[in-house]
Amino acid sequence: MTESEKPTPEPFKPPCRMVGQDGNVFAIIARVRKALRDAGLHERAEEFVQRATSSESYDAVLALVWEYVDVE
């Protein structure tokens, strides 16, 4: 297997409690941002916020949540 064929590892996804929490999109964005920042992933937190606030729908934000954190 050559270097270009090796799969790139997924970035670390910190846990983030979502079940039973406020489902408002802004509350979700804030919760994910906090989980990322608490894990020391400040750049990923800001990237997530930028992508989430540029999303066109609630469902698109939820898809991003699964990309950035381990939903609990």
C-alpha atoms as a PDB file:
ATOM      1  CA  MET A   1       0.000   0.000   0.000  1.00  0.00           C
ATOM      2  CA  THR A   2       1.450   3.348  -1.021  1.00  0.00           C
ATOM      3  CA  GLU A   3       1.224   6.528   1.045  1.00  0.00           C
ATOM      4  CA  SER A   4      -1.522   7.917  -1.199  1.00  0.00           C
ATOM      5  CA  GLU A   5      -3.611   4.753  -0.740  1.00  0.00           C
ATOM      6  CA  LYS A   6      -3.569   4.848   3.067  1.00  0.00           C
ATOM      7  CA  PRO A   7      -6.861   6.021   4.534  1.00  0.00           C
ATOM      8  CA  THR A   8      -6.669   9.287   6.401  1.00  0.00           C
ATOM      9  CA  PRO A   9      -7.623   8.900  10.043  1.00  0.00           C
ATOM     10  CA  GLU A  10     -10.821  10.569  11.192  1.00  0.00           C
ATOM     11  CA  PRO A  11     -10.283  13.520  13.480  1.00  0.00           C
ATOM     12  CA  PHE A  12     -11.041  13.059  17.166  1.00  0.00           C
ATOM     13  CA  LYS A  13     -14.731  13.636  17.919  1.00  0.00           C
ATOM     14  CA  PRO A  14     -15.429  14.540  21.539  1.00  0.00           C
ATOM     15  CA  PRO A  15     -18.639  13.310  23.176  1.00  0.00           C
ATOM     16  CA  CYS A  16     -21.582  15.694  23.171  1.00  0.00           C
ATOM     17  CA  ARG A  17     -24.865  15.036  24.980  1.00  0.00           C
ATOM     18  CA  MET A  18     -27.852  15.742  22.746  1.00  0.00           C
ATOM     19  CA  VAL A  19     -30.569  13.387  23.954  1.00  0.00           C
ATOM     20  CA  GLY A  20     -33.082  15.220  26.120  1.00  0.00           C
ATOM     21  CA  GLN A  21     -31.546  18.636  25.398  1.00  0.00           C
ATOM     22  CA  ASP A  22     -33.017  21.779  23.830  1.00  0.00           C
ATOM     23  CA  GLY A  23     -33.550  21.161  20.104  1.00  0.00           C
ATOM     24  CA  ASN A  24     -33.289  24.818  19.106  1.00  0.00           C
ATOM     25  CA  VAL A  25     -30.682  25.080  16.343  1.00  0.00           C
ATOM     26  CA  PHE A  26     -28.757  27.824  18.164  1.00  0.00           C
ATOM     27  CA  ALA A  27     -28.660  25.753  21.359  1.00  0.00           C
ATOM     28  CA  ILE A  28     -27.341  22.796  19.360  1.00  0.00           C
ATOM     29  CA  ILE A  29     -24.618  24.908  17.732  1.00  0.00           C
ATOM     30  CA  ALA A  30     -23.592  26.295  21.133  1.00  0.00           C
ATOM     31  CA  ARG A  31     -23.512  22.818  22.718  1.00  0.00           C
ATOM     32  CA  VAL A  32     -21.315  21.377  19.952  1.00  0.00           C
ATOM     33  CA  ARG A  33     -19.023  24.423  20.018  1.00  0.00           C
ATOM     34  CA  LYS A  34     -18.581  24.010  23.783  1.00  0.00           C
ATOM     35  CA  ALA A  35     -17.821  20.286  23.465  1.00  0.00           C
ATOM     36  CA  LEU A  36     -15.173  20.996  20.829  1.00  0.00           C
ATOM     37  CA  ARG A  37     -13.622  23.872  22.794  1.00  0.00           C
ATOM     38  CA  ASP A  38     -13.620  21.850  26.032  1.00  0.00           C
ATOM     39  CA  ALA A  39     -11.675  19.152  24.150  1.00  0.00           C
ATOM     40  CA  GLY A  40      -9.094  21.756  23.075  1.00  0.00           C
ATOM     41  CA  LEU A  41     -10.298  21.750  19.459  1.00  0.00           C
ATOM     42  CA  HIS A  42     -10.696  25.516  19.136  1.00  0.00           C
ATOM     43  CA  GLU A  43     -10.109  25.681  15.381  1.00  0.00           C
ATOM     44  CA  ARG A  44     -12.591  22.859  14.730  1.00  0.00           C
ATOM     45  CA  ALA A  45     -15.097  24.635  16.978  1.00  0.00           C
ATOM     46  CA  GLU A  46     -14.884  27.823  14.935  1.00  0.00           C
ATOM     47  CA  GLU A  47     -14.998  25.828  11.678  1.00  0.00           C
ATOM     48  CA  PHE A  48     -18.134  24.059  12.892  1.00  0.00           C
ATOM     49  CA  VAL A  49     -19.839  27.327  13.857  1.00  0.00           C
ATOM     50  CA  GLN A  50     -19.029  28.877  10.501  1.00  0.00           C
ATOM     51  CA  ARG A  51     -20.338  25.865   8.583  1.00  0.00           C
ATOM     52  CA  ALA A  52     -23.422  25.497  10.793  1.00  0.00           C
ATOM     53  CA  THR A  53     -24.433  29.151  10.559  1.00  0.00           C
ATOM     54  CA  SER A  54     -23.995  28.994   6.784  1.00  0.00           C
ATOM     55  CA  SER A  55     -26.162  25.885   6.489  1.00  0.00           C
ATOM     56  CA  GLU A  56     -29.454  26.151   4.677  1.00  0.00           C
ATOM     57  CA  SER A  57     -31.532  23.938   6.968  1.00  0.00           C
ATOM     58  CA  TYR A  58     -31.921  22.429  10.398  1.00  0.00           C
ATOM     59  CA  ASP A  59     -31.227  18.986   8.909  1.00  0.00           C
ATOM     60  CA  ALA A  60     -27.951  20.235   7.411  1.00  0.00           C
ATOM     61  CA  VAL A  61     -26.844  21.453  10.853  1.00  0.00           C
ATOM     62  CA  LEU A  62     -27.722  18.078  12.377  1.00  0.00           C
ATOM     63  CA  ALA A  63     -25.613  16.331   9.721  1.00  0.00           C
ATOM     64  CA  LEU A  64     -22.687  18.568  10.668  1.00  0.00           C
ATOM     65  CA  VAL A  65     -23.156  17.718  14.348  1.00  0.00           C
ATOM     66  CA  TRP A  66     -22.553  14.038  13.568  1.00  0.00           C
ATOM     67  CA  GLU A  67     -19.452  15.009  11.591  1.00  0.00           C
ATOM     68  CA  TYR A  68     -17.859  16.947  14.461  1.00  0.00           C
ATOM     69  CA  VAL A  69     -18.881  15.203  17.698  1.00  0.00           C
ATOM     70  CA  ASP A  70     -19.763  11.791  19.083  1.00  0.00           C
ATOM     71  CA  VAL A  71     -23.446  12.285  19.861  1.00  0.00           C
ATOM     72  CA  GLU A  72     -24.615  10.850  23.175  1.00  0.00           C
END
